[in-house]
């Protein structure tokens, strides 16, 4: 399951986000999207979890979760338009 995560604190690291999601199951990849020019975090990213039921539980538990003083917005990623 590909999970969209928004409202990530700009200082948060991918490893920290991975540790948070690993509480609910196996995490295959974590990617915090960065600005191409500055390299700064854009405040959102994606977490991939191979087990859909674990992914669904992570979404339920972590949506609104206070992570580094910001409430995460977590939901299933939609396929890109086009």
PDB file of N, CA and C in Angstrom:
ATOM      1  N   UNK A   1       0.848  -1.170   0.000  1.00  0.00           N
ATOM      2  CA  UNK A   1       0.000   0.000   0.000  1.00  0.00           C
ATOM      3  C   UNK A   1       0.895   1.235   0.000  1.00  0.00           C
ATOM      4  N   UNK A   2       0.582   2.174  -0.870  1.00  0.00           N
ATOM      5  CA  UNK A   2       1.313   3.432  -0.936  1.00  0.00           C
ATOM      6  C   UNK A   2       0.533   4.464  -0.125  1.00  0.00           C
ATOM      7  N   UNK A   3       1.192   5.077   0.844  1.00  0.00           N
ATOM      8  CA  UNK A   3       0.536   5.985   1.787  1.00  0.00           C
ATOM      9  C   UNK A   3       1.090   7.390   1.614  1.00  0.00           C
ATOM     10  N   UNK A   4       0.188   8.353   1.477  1.00  0.00           N
ATOM     11  CA  UNK A   4       0.550   9.767   1.362  1.00  0.00           C
ATOM     12  C   UNK A   4       0.572  10.370   2.763  1.00  0.00           C
ATOM     13  N   UNK A   5       1.644  11.095   3.077  1.00  0.00           N
ATOM     14  CA  UNK A   5       1.794  11.715   4.394  1.00  0.00           C
ATOM     15  C   UNK A   5       2.078  13.201   4.176  1.00  0.00           C
ATOM     16  N   UNK A   6       1.218  14.059   4.734  1.00  0.00           N
ATOM     17  CA  UNK A   6       1.381  15.509   4.583  1.00  0.00           C
ATOM     18  C   UNK A   6       1.551  16.164   5.946  1.00  0.00           C
ATOM     19  N   UNK A   7       1.925  17.437   5.915  1.00  0.00           N
ATOM     20  CA  UNK A   7       2.143  18.251   7.115  1.00  0.00           C
ATOM     21  C   UNK A   7       3.320  17.716   7.935  1.00  0.00           C
ATOM     22  N   UNK A   8       4.348  17.231   7.229  1.00  0.00           N
ATOM     23  CA  UNK A   8       5.555  16.732   7.895  1.00  0.00           C
ATOM     24  C   UNK A   8       6.426  17.936   8.271  1.00  0.00           C
ATOM     25  N   UNK A   9       6.924  17.940   9.490  1.00  0.00           N
ATOM     26  CA  UNK A   9       7.831  18.992   9.939  1.00  0.00           C
ATOM     27  C   UNK A   9       9.042  19.026   8.994  1.00  0.00           C
ATOM     28  N   UNK A  10       9.453  20.228   8.600  1.00  0.00           N
ATOM     29  CA  UNK A  10      10.550  20.367   7.635  1.00  0.00           C
ATOM     30  C   UNK A  10      11.872  19.793   8.147  1.00  0.00           C
ATOM     31  N   UNK A  11      12.022  19.651   9.473  1.00  0.00           N
ATOM     32  CA  UNK A  11      13.259  19.107  10.040  1.00  0.00           C
ATOM     33  C   UNK A  11      13.218  17.585  10.188  1.00  0.00           C
ATOM     34  N   UNK A  12      12.069  16.969   9.966  1.00  0.00           N
ATOM     35  CA  UNK A  12      11.941  15.513  10.126  1.00  0.00           C
ATOM     36  C   UNK A  12      12.743  14.789   9.040  1.00  0.00           C
ATOM     37  N   UNK A  13      13.304  13.662   9.423  1.00  0.00           N
ATOM     38  CA  UNK A  13      14.111  12.843   8.503  1.00  0.00           C
ATOM     39  C   UNK A  13      13.326  11.595   8.090  1.00  0.00           C
ATOM     40  N   UNK A  14      13.681  11.047   6.932  1.00  0.00           N
ATOM     41  CA  UNK A  14      13.010   9.847   6.426  1.00  0.00           C
ATOM     42  C   UNK A  14      13.111   8.703   7.427  1.00  0.00           C
ATOM     43  N   UNK A  15      14.259   8.555   8.074  1.00  0.00           N
ATOM     44  CA  UNK A  15      14.462   7.469   9.030  1.00  0.00           C
ATOM     45  C   UNK A  15      13.488   7.590  10.216  1.00  0.00           C
ATOM     46  N   UNK A  16      13.227   8.818  10.662  1.00  0.00           N
ATOM     47  CA  UNK A  16      12.290   9.035  11.769  1.00  0.00           C
ATOM     48  C   UNK A  16      10.869   8.651  11.353  1.00  0.00           C
ATOM     49  N   UNK A  17      10.493   9.003  10.133  1.00  0.00           N
ATOM     50  CA  UNK A  17       9.170   8.660   9.622  1.00  0.00           C
ATOM     51  C   UNK A  17       9.040   7.143   9.473  1.00  0.00           C
ATOM     52  N   UNK A  18      10.110   6.501   9.006  1.00  0.00           N
ATOM     53  CA  UNK A  18      10.107   5.047   8.861  1.00  0.00           C
ATOM     54  C   UNK A  18       9.895   4.374  10.216  1.00  0.00           C
ATOM     55  N   UNK A  19      10.608   4.845  11.243  1.00  0.00           N
ATOM     56  CA  UNK A  19      10.466   4.268  12.583  1.00  0.00           C
ATOM     57  C   UNK A  19       9.036   4.412  13.095  1.00  0.00           C
ATOM     58  N   UNK A  20       8.410   5.543  12.811  1.00  0.00           N
ATOM     59  CA  UNK A  20       7.030   5.767  13.239  1.00  0.00           C
ATOM     60  C   UNK A  20       6.092   4.746  12.593  1.00  0.00           C
ATOM     61  N   UNK A  21       6.216   4.542  11.283  1.00  0.00           N
ATOM     62  CA  UNK A  21       5.324   3.628  10.567  1.00  0.00           C
ATOM     63  C   UNK A  21       5.637   2.162  10.862  1.00  0.00           C
ATOM     64  N   UNK A  22       6.888   1.850  11.209  1.00  0.00           N
ATOM     65  CA  UNK A  22       7.258   0.462  11.508  1.00  0.00           C
ATOM     66  C   UNK A  22       6.559  -0.068  12.757  1.00  0.00           C
ATOM     67  N   UNK A  23       6.003   0.810  13.563  1.00  0.00           N
ATOM     68  CA  UNK A  23       5.242   0.349  14.728  1.00  0.00           C
ATOM     69  C   UNK A  23       4.004  -0.442  14.290  1.00  0.00           C
ATOM     70  N   UNK A  24       3.587  -0.260  13.043  1.00  0.00           N
ATOM     71  CA  UNK A  24       2.367  -0.905  12.546  1.00  0.00           C
ATOM     72  C   UNK A  24       2.647  -2.014  11.545  1.00  0.00           C
ATOM     73  N   UNK A  25       3.919  -2.223  11.192  1.00  0.00           N
ATOM     74  CA  UNK A  25       4.245  -3.309  10.269  1.00  0.00           C
ATOM     75  C   UNK A  25       5.467  -2.987   9.437  1.00  0.00           C
ATOM     76  N   UNK A  26       5.717  -3.841   8.454  1.00  0.00           N
ATOM     77  CA  UNK A  26       6.890  -3.703   7.595  1.00  0.00           C
ATOM     78  C   UNK A  26       6.757  -2.486   6.683  1.00  0.00           C
ATOM     79  N   UNK A  27       7.839  -1.740   6.565  1.00  0.00           N
ATOM     80  CA  UNK A  27       7.890  -0.576   5.678  1.00  0.00           C
ATOM     81  C   UNK A  27       8.925  -0.860   4.601  1.00  0.00           C
ATOM     82  N   UNK A  28       8.514  -0.767   3.308  1.00  0.00           N
ATOM     83  CA  UNK A  28       9.482  -1.022   2.243  1.00  0.00           C
ATOM     84  C   UNK A  28      10.267   0.227   1.874  1.00  0.00           C
ATOM     85  N   UNK A  29       9.573   1.362   1.721  1.00  0.00           N
ATOM     86  CA  UNK A  29      10.273   2.594   1.358  1.00  0.00           C
ATOM     87  C   UNK A  29       9.620   3.798   2.040  1.00  0.00           C
ATOM     88  N   UNK A  30      10.451   4.830   2.228  1.00  0.00           N
ATOM     89  CA  UNK A  30       9.980   6.116   2.744  1.00  0.00           C
ATOM     90  C   UNK A  30      10.645   7.185   1.901  1.00  0.00           C
ATOM     91  N   UNK A  31       9.858   8.140   1.426  1.00  0.00           N
ATOM     92  CA  UNK A  31      10.423   9.225   0.620  1.00  0.00           C
ATOM     93  C   UNK A  31       9.769  10.530   1.039  1.00  0.00           C
ATOM     94  N   UNK A  32      10.563  11.444   1.598  1.00  0.00           N
ATOM     95  CA  UNK A  32      10.082  12.802   1.860  1.00  0.00           C
ATOM     96  C   UNK A  32      10.463  13.623   0.638  1.00  0.00           C
ATOM     97  N   UNK A  33       9.487  14.268   0.020  1.00  0.00           N
ATOM     98  CA  UNK A  33       9.712  15.025  -1.206  1.00  0.00           C
ATOM     99  C   UNK A  33      10.442  16.322  -0.865  1.00  0.00           C
ATOM    100  N   UNK A  34      11.488  16.615  -1.656  1.00  0.00           N
ATOM    101  CA  UNK A  34      12.276  17.820  -1.434  1.00  0.00           C
ATOM    102  C   UNK A  34      12.200  18.741  -2.648  1.00  0.00           C
ATOM    103  N   UNK A  35      12.445  20.014  -2.398  1.00  0.00           N
ATOM    104  CA  UNK A  35      12.487  21.004  -3.468  1.00  0.00           C
ATOM    105  C   UNK A  35      13.709  20.738  -4.340  1.00  0.00           C
ATOM    106  N   UNK A  36      13.506  20.742  -5.625  1.00  0.00           N
ATOM    107  CA  UNK A  36      14.582  20.410  -6.571  1.00  0.00           C
ATOM    108  C   UNK A  36      15.735  21.413  -6.491  1.00  0.00           C
ATOM    109  N   UNK A  37      15.420  22.691  -6.277  1.00  0.00           N
ATOM    110  CA  UNK A  37      16.455  23.725  -6.279  1.00  0.00           C
ATOM    111  C   UNK A  37      17.163  23.876  -4.928  1.00  0.00           C
ATOM    112  N   UNK A  38      16.398  23.865  -3.836  1.00  0.00           N
ATOM    113  CA  UNK A  38      16.991  24.146  -2.521  1.00  0.00           C
ATOM    114  C   UNK A  38      17.324  22.883  -1.734  1.00  0.00           C
ATOM    115  N   UNK A  39      16.699  21.750  -2.072  1.00  0.00           N
ATOM    116  CA  UNK A  39      16.918  20.523  -1.326  1.00  0.00           C
ATOM    117  C   UNK A  39      16.140  20.460  -0.021  1.00  0.00           C
ATOM    118  N   UNK A  40      15.353  21.511   0.274  1.00  0.00           N
ATOM    119  CA  UNK A  40      14.547  21.536   1.505  1.00  0.00           C
ATOM    120  C   UNK A  40      13.314  20.653   1.357  1.00  0.00           C
ATOM    121  N   UNK A  41      12.874  20.118   2.468  1.00  0.00           N
ATOM    122  CA  UNK A  41      11.653  19.316   2.483  1.00  0.00           C
ATOM    123  C   UNK A  41      10.477  20.167   2.019  1.00  0.00           C
ATOM    124  N   UNK A  42       9.551  19.542   1.294  1.00  0.00           N
ATOM    125  CA  UNK A  42       8.335  20.241   0.875  1.00  0.00           C
ATOM    126  C   UNK A  42       7.182  19.944   1.826  1.00  0.00           C
ATOM    127  N   UNK A  43       7.449  19.173   2.894  1.00  0.00           N
ATOM    128  CA  UNK A  43       6.446  18.952   3.930  1.00  0.00           C
ATOM    129  C   UNK A  43       5.493  17.797   3.665  1.00  0.00           C
ATOM    130  N   UNK A  44       5.798  16.991   2.647  1.00  0.00           N
ATOM    131  CA  UNK A  44       4.980  15.799   2.407  1.00  0.00           C
ATOM    132  C   UNK A  44       5.850  14.701   1.843  1.00  0.00           C
ATOM    133  N   UNK A  45       5.291  13.492   1.862  1.00  0.00           N
ATOM    134  CA  UNK A  45       6.049  12.363   1.347  1.00  0.00           C
ATOM    135  C   UNK A  45       5.183  11.123   1.212  1.00  0.00           C
ATOM    136  N   UNK A  46       5.846   9.998   0.995  1.00  0.00           N
ATOM    137  CA  UNK A  46       5.157   8.734   0.767  1.00  0.00           C
ATOM    138  C   UNK A  46       5.833   7.618   1.554  1.00  0.00           C
ATOM    139  N   UNK A  47       5.005   6.733   2.081  1.00  0.00           N
ATOM    140  CA  UNK A  47       5.486   5.551   2.790  1.00  0.00           C
ATOM    141  C   UNK A  47       4.855   4.349   2.105  1.00  0.00           C
ATOM    142  N   UNK A  48       5.669   3.359   1.782  1.00  0.00           N
ATOM    143  CA  UNK A  48       5.132   2.154   1.157  1.00  0.00           C
ATOM    144  C   UNK A  48       5.198   1.007   2.150  1.00  0.00           C
ATOM    145  N   UNK A  49       4.046   0.344   2.329  1.00  0.00           N
ATOM    146  CA  UNK A  49       3.958  -0.820   3.214  1.00  0.00           C
ATOM    147  C   UNK A  49       3.397  -1.983   2.398  1.00  0.00           C
ATOM    148  N   UNK A  50       4.108  -3.124   2.348  1.00  0.00           N
ATOM    149  CA  UNK A  50       3.667  -4.239   1.505  1.00  0.00           C
ATOM    150  C   UNK A  50       2.359  -4.895   1.960  1.00  0.00           C
ATOM    151  N   UNK A  51       2.051  -4.838   3.242  1.00  0.00           N
ATOM    152  CA  UNK A  51       0.842  -5.468   3.759  1.00  0.00           C
ATOM    153  C   UNK A  51      -0.273  -4.427   3.862  1.00  0.00           C
ATOM    154  N   UNK A  52      -1.353  -4.607   3.084  1.00  0.00           N
ATOM    155  CA  UNK A  52      -2.436  -3.621   3.042  1.00  0.00           C
ATOM    156  C   UNK A  52      -3.136  -3.429   4.377  1.00  0.00           C
ATOM    157  N   UNK A  53      -3.315  -4.509   5.135  1.00  0.00           N
ATOM    158  CA  UNK A  53      -4.021  -4.356   6.412  1.00  0.00           C
ATOM    159  C   UNK A  53      -3.156  -3.584   7.416  1.00  0.00           C
ATOM    160  N   UNK A  54      -1.843  -3.808   7.397  1.00  0.00           N
ATOM    161  CA  UNK A  54      -0.950  -3.029   8.258  1.00  0.00           C
ATOM    162  C   UNK A  54      -0.937  -1.564   7.823  1.00  0.00           C
ATOM    163  N   UNK A  55      -0.947  -1.347   6.517  1.00  0.00           N
ATOM    164  CA  UNK A  55      -0.991   0.017   5.988  1.00  0.00           C
ATOM    165  C   UNK A  55      -2.260   0.732   6.404  1.00  0.00           C
ATOM    166  N   UNK A  56      -3.387   0.035   6.317  1.00  0.00           N
ATOM    167  CA  UNK A  56      -4.677   0.631   6.711  1.00  0.00           C
ATOM    168  C   UNK A  56      -4.678   0.977   8.203  1.00  0.00           C
ATOM    169  N   UNK A  57      -4.089   0.105   9.018  1.00  0.00           N
ATOM    170  CA  UNK A  57      -4.017   0.381  10.457  1.00  0.00           C
ATOM    171  C   UNK A  57      -3.129   1.598  10.717  1.00  0.00           C
ATOM    172  N   UNK A  58      -2.007   1.698  10.007  1.00  0.00           N
ATOM    173  CA  UNK A  58      -1.110   2.856  10.170  1.00  0.00           C
ATOM    174  C   UNK A  58      -1.836   4.144   9.802  1.00  0.00           C
ATOM    175  N   UNK A  59      -2.616   4.122   8.720  1.00  0.00           N
ATOM    176  CA  UNK A  59      -3.376   5.305   8.307  1.00  0.00           C
ATOM    177  C   UNK A  59      -4.340   5.713   9.412  1.00  0.00           C
ATOM    178  N   UNK A  60      -5.092   4.749   9.932  1.00  0.00           N
ATOM    179  CA  UNK A  60      -6.077   5.028  10.976  1.00  0.00           C
ATOM    180  C   UNK A  60      -5.417   5.597  12.230  1.00  0.00           C
ATOM    181  N   UNK A  61      -4.309   5.001  12.644  1.00  0.00           N
ATOM    182  CA  UNK A  61      -3.656   5.400  13.889  1.00  0.00           C
ATOM    183  C   UNK A  61      -2.862   6.699  13.767  1.00  0.00           C
ATOM    184  N   UNK A  62      -2.299   6.978  12.593  1.00  0.00           N
ATOM    185  CA  UNK A  62      -1.370   8.105  12.468  1.00  0.00           C
ATOM    186  C   UNK A  62      -1.976   9.357  11.860  1.00  0.00           C
ATOM    187  N   UNK A  63      -3.164   9.286  11.284  1.00  0.00           N
ATOM    188  CA  UNK A  63      -3.799  10.485  10.765  1.00  0.00           C
ATOM    189  C   UNK A  63      -4.138  11.398  11.945  1.00  0.00           C
ATOM    190  N   UNK A  64      -3.563  12.596  11.950  1.00  0.00           N
ATOM    191  CA  UNK A  64      -3.762  13.529  13.064  1.00  0.00           C
ATOM    192  C   UNK A  64      -2.730  13.378  14.167  1.00  0.00           C
ATOM    193  N   UNK A  65      -1.813  12.423  14.031  1.00  0.00           N
ATOM    194  CA  UNK A  65      -0.784  12.152  15.052  1.00  0.00           C
ATOM    195  C   UNK A  65       0.201  13.323  15.128  1.00  0.00           C
ATOM    196  N   UNK A  66       0.548  13.733  16.333  1.00  0.00           N
ATOM    197  CA  UNK A  66       1.519  14.806  16.549  1.00  0.00           C
ATOM    198  C   UNK A  66       2.933  14.260  16.364  1.00  0.00           C
ATOM    199  N   UNK A  67       3.567  14.630  15.272  1.00  0.00           N
ATOM    200  CA  UNK A  67       4.909  14.172  14.918  1.00  0.00           C
ATOM    201  C   UNK A  67       5.797  15.401  14.778  1.00  0.00           C
ATOM    202  N   UNK A  68       6.709  15.601  15.714  1.00  0.00           N
ATOM    203  CA  UNK A  68       7.598  16.780  15.728  1.00  0.00           C
ATOM    204  C   UNK A  68       6.792  18.078  15.708  1.00  0.00           C
ATOM    205  N   UNK A  69       5.797  18.163  16.563  1.00  0.00           N
ATOM    206  CA  UNK A  69       4.935  19.340  16.745  1.00  0.00           C
ATOM    207  C   UNK A  69       4.083  19.699  15.533  1.00  0.00           C
ATOM    208  N   UNK A  70       3.815  18.741  14.662  1.00  0.00           N
ATOM    209  CA  UNK A  70       2.891  18.948  13.539  1.00  0.00           C
ATOM    210  C   UNK A  70       1.963  17.748  13.467  1.00  0.00           C
ATOM    211  N   UNK A  71       0.675  18.003  13.245  1.00  0.00           N
ATOM    212  CA  UNK A  71      -0.298  16.909  13.124  1.00  0.00           C
ATOM    213  C   UNK A  71      -0.270  16.369  11.699  1.00  0.00           C
ATOM    214  N   UNK A  72       0.137  15.110  11.569  1.00  0.00           N
ATOM    215  CA  UNK A  72       0.235  14.493  10.245  1.00  0.00           C
ATOM    216  C   UNK A  72      -1.132  14.323   9.598  1.00  0.00           C
ATOM    217  N   UNK A  73      -1.156  14.437   8.286  1.00  0.00           N
ATOM    218  CA  UNK A  73      -2.327  14.078   7.485  1.00  0.00           C
ATOM    219  C   UNK A  73      -1.908  12.830   6.722  1.00  0.00           C
ATOM    220  N   UNK A  74      -2.589  11.711   6.999  1.00  0.00           N
ATOM    221  CA  UNK A  74      -2.174  10.418   6.442  1.00  0.00           C
ATOM    222  C   UNK A  74      -3.363   9.768   5.743  1.00  0.00           C
ATOM    223  N   UNK A  75      -3.184   9.407   4.474  1.00  0.00           N
ATOM    224  CA  UNK A  75      -4.214   8.648   3.765  1.00  0.00           C
ATOM    225  C   UNK A  75      -3.599   7.862   2.619  1.00  0.00           C
ATOM    226  N   UNK A  76      -4.403   6.997   2.038  1.00  0.00           N
ATOM    227  CA  UNK A  76      -3.897   6.180   0.934  1.00  0.00           C
ATOM    228  C   UNK A  76      -3.593   7.080  -0.252  1.00  0.00           C
ATOM    229  N   UNK A  77      -2.419   6.880  -0.845  1.00  0.00           N
ATOM    230  CA  UNK A  77      -2.008   7.700  -1.994  1.00  0.00           C
ATOM    231  C   UNK A  77      -2.882   7.360  -3.200  1.00  0.00           C
ATOM    232  N   UNK A  78      -3.263   8.402  -3.930  1.00  0.00           N
ATOM    233  CA  UNK A  78      -4.025   8.200  -5.157  1.00  0.00           C
ATOM    234  C   UNK A  78      -3.046   8.118  -6.321  1.00  0.00           C
ATOM    235  N   UNK A  79      -3.369   7.342  -7.356  1.00  0.00           N
ATOM    236  CA  UNK A  79      -2.462   7.271  -8.505  1.00  0.00           C
ATOM    237  C   UNK A  79      -2.341   8.640  -9.163  1.00  0.00           C
ATOM    238  N   UNK A  80      -1.180   8.928  -9.764  1.00  0.00           N
ATOM    239  CA  UNK A  80      -1.009  10.231 -10.410  1.00  0.00           C
ATOM    240  C   UNK A  80      -2.000  10.416 -11.549  1.00  0.00           C
ATOM    241  N   UNK A  81      -2.449  11.662 -11.747  1.00  0.00           N
ATOM    242  CA  UNK A  81      -3.394  11.951 -12.837  1.00  0.00           C
ATOM    243  C   UNK A  81      -2.628  11.975 -14.150  1.00  0.00           C
ATOM    244  N   UNK A  82      -3.332  11.552 -15.193  1.00  0.00           N
ATOM    245  CA  UNK A  82      -2.697  11.649 -16.495  1.00  0.00           C
ATOM    246  C   UNK A  82      -2.834  10.441 -17.238  1.00  0.00           C
TER     247      UNK A  82
END
